[in-house]
């Protein structure tokens, strides 16, 4: 069961903000790469012509 907690994001320290940013950047990057790959597959461009 979920319990509501009083949370004030303004009370985070700089270290906590850095840690949160680090923890979120990996999953977000993976999701973006997956979406871009799926879009390239959808339009038929599986390879980057610049390479």
Protein backbone atom coordinates (compact mmCIF):
# COMPACT_ATOMS: atom_id res chain seq x y z
CA UNK A 1 0.00 0.00 0.00
CA UNK A 2 1.27 3.47 -0.90
CA UNK A 3 1.52 6.05 1.85
CA UNK A 4 1.57 9.76 1.04
CA UNK A 5 4.71 11.53 2.17
CA UNK A 6 5.27 15.25 2.55
CA UNK A 7 7.98 15.99 0.01
CA UNK A 8 9.37 19.38 -0.85
CA UNK A 9 11.69 19.20 -3.87
CA UNK A 10 13.08 22.61 -2.94
CA UNK A 11 14.62 21.04 0.15
CA UNK A 12 16.93 18.76 -1.87
CA UNK A 13 20.64 19.37 -1.52
CA UNK A 14 22.85 19.89 -4.57
CA UNK A 15 24.27 16.38 -4.09
CA UNK A 16 20.78 14.84 -4.05
CA UNK A 17 19.85 16.74 -7.21
CA UNK A 18 23.04 15.52 -8.92
CA UNK A 19 22.32 11.93 -7.89
CA UNK A 20 18.72 12.13 -9.09
CA UNK A 21 19.84 13.60 -12.41
CA UNK A 22 22.39 10.82 -12.83
CA UNK A 23 19.82 8.11 -12.03
CA UNK A 24 17.27 9.53 -14.48
CA UNK A 25 19.58 10.25 -17.40
CA UNK A 26 20.30 6.57 -18.17
CA UNK A 27 16.70 5.37 -18.50
CA UNK A 28 15.65 8.50 -20.40
CA UNK A 29 18.56 8.11 -22.84
CA UNK A 30 17.65 4.46 -23.45
CA UNK A 31 14.02 5.37 -24.12
CA UNK A 32 15.00 8.11 -26.56
CA UNK A 33 17.40 5.83 -28.44
CA UNK A 34 14.71 3.15 -28.68
CA UNK A 35 12.15 5.64 -30.01
CA UNK A 36 14.60 6.99 -32.58
CA UNK A 37 15.52 3.47 -33.73
CA UNK A 38 11.87 2.47 -34.05
CA UNK A 39 11.15 5.63 -36.05
CA UNK A 40 14.07 4.91 -38.41
CA UNK A 41 12.79 1.35 -38.87
CA UNK A 42 9.29 2.68 -39.54
CA UNK A 43 10.45 4.99 -42.32
CA UNK A 44 12.88 2.41 -43.73
CA UNK A 45 16.17 4.11 -42.83
CA UNK A 46 18.00 1.62 -40.67
CA UNK A 47 21.45 3.04 -41.38
CA UNK A 48 22.86 6.51 -40.78
CA UNK A 49 24.06 7.79 -44.21
CA UNK A 50 26.78 9.87 -42.56
CA UNK A 51 28.71 6.74 -41.54
